[in-house]
Amino acid sequence: MRAFIAAQDWLTVVQLPTYAPDLNPVEGIWSLLRRCLLANVAFTSPEHLIRTVRQGLRTIQYRSDLIDGCLAGTGLALTAA
């Protein structure tokens, strides 16, 4: 891979840490779910867990301020291409 990258003058590669939750907005979404809907729940079945996670994701989906906050927490920004 290094040889291929070196042969491409148009390609810029940035090495990121192997685990960087602070750069991943999805970690913020999971944090919201864990603090609210998933907190202190004994799930009775995998289906119960799936239903609860889907319900939480639907709730967050309609709260753009929460999603924006998770993105802002990473220091990254969406830019129009």
Protein backbone atom coordinates (compact mmCIF):
# COMPACT_ATOMS: atom_id res chain seq x y z
CA MET A 1 0.00 0.00 0.00
CA ARG A 2 2.83 2.40 0.83
CA ALA A 3 4.35 1.85 -2.62
CA PHE A 4 1.01 2.54 -4.29
CA ILE A 5 0.49 5.71 -2.24
CA ALA A 6 4.01 6.93 -3.02
CA ALA A 7 3.41 6.40 -6.76
CA GLN A 8 0.30 8.64 -6.75
CA ASP A 9 1.27 12.32 -6.71
CA TRP A 10 -2.40 13.39 -6.49
CA LEU A 11 -3.10 11.28 -3.40
CA THR A 12 -2.71 12.65 0.10
CA VAL A 13 -2.91 10.17 2.96
CA VAL A 14 -3.32 11.22 6.57
CA GLN A 15 -2.62 8.58 9.20
CA LEU A 16 -5.31 8.66 11.86
CA PRO A 17 -5.13 6.90 15.22
CA THR A 18 -6.48 3.35 15.19
CA TYR A 19 -9.19 4.27 17.68
CA ALA A 20 -10.28 7.89 17.78
CA PRO A 21 -13.73 8.23 19.34
CA ASP A 22 -13.21 11.98 19.62
CA LEU A 23 -13.17 12.16 15.78
CA ASN A 24 -16.25 9.98 15.32
CA PRO A 25 -19.64 11.72 15.66
CA VAL A 26 -21.35 8.32 15.96
CA GLU A 27 -19.76 7.93 19.39
CA GLY A 28 -21.80 10.96 20.51
CA ILE A 29 -24.99 9.36 19.22
CA TRP A 30 -24.26 6.14 21.12
CA SER A 31 -23.50 8.20 24.22
CA LEU A 32 -26.92 9.86 23.96
CA LEU A 33 -28.61 6.48 23.59
CA ARG A 34 -26.72 4.96 26.52
CA ARG A 35 -27.59 7.86 28.81
CA CYS A 36 -31.30 7.90 27.96
CA LEU A 37 -33.07 4.91 26.47
CA LEU A 38 -30.52 2.20 27.16
CA ALA A 39 -29.75 3.23 30.75
CA ASN A 40 -30.85 0.82 33.48
CA VAL A 41 -32.81 -1.48 31.17
CA ALA A 42 -32.75 -5.26 31.40
CA PHE A 43 -33.58 -6.28 27.85
CA THR A 44 -35.75 -9.36 27.66
CA SER A 45 -34.72 -10.36 24.15
CA PRO A 46 -32.57 -9.23 21.24
CA GLU A 47 -35.75 -7.92 19.62
CA HIS A 48 -36.44 -5.76 22.68
CA LEU A 49 -32.94 -4.26 22.39
CA ILE A 50 -33.36 -3.66 18.65
CA ARG A 51 -36.76 -1.97 19.12
CA THR A 52 -35.38 0.28 21.85
CA VAL A 53 -32.31 1.30 19.84
CA ARG A 54 -34.44 2.03 16.77
CA GLN A 55 -36.83 4.12 18.84
CA GLY A 56 -33.92 6.10 20.25
CA LEU A 57 -32.38 6.63 16.83
CA ARG A 58 -35.73 7.82 15.45
CA THR A 59 -36.01 10.29 18.32
CA ILE A 60 -32.49 11.62 17.70
CA GLN A 61 -33.12 11.75 13.93
CA TYR A 62 -35.72 14.48 14.43
CA ARG A 63 -33.52 16.47 16.83
CA SER A 64 -31.03 18.13 14.49
CA ASP A 65 -29.60 20.07 17.43
CA LEU A 66 -28.45 16.79 19.01
CA ILE A 67 -26.88 15.61 15.76
CA ASP A 68 -25.18 18.99 15.26
CA GLY A 69 -23.87 18.79 18.82
CA CYS A 70 -22.35 15.36 18.19
CA LEU A 71 -20.65 16.69 15.07
CA ALA A 72 -19.46 19.85 16.83
CA GLY A 73 -18.00 17.72 19.62
CA THR A 74 -15.55 16.22 17.14
CA GLY A 75 -14.28 19.59 15.91
CA LEU A 76 -15.16 18.51 12.37
CA ALA A 77 -17.49 20.43 10.07
CA LEU A 78 -19.68 19.64 7.10
CA THR A 79 -18.74 21.63 4.02
CA ALA A 80 -20.56 21.86 0.74
CA ALA A 81 -18.54 20.24 -2.03
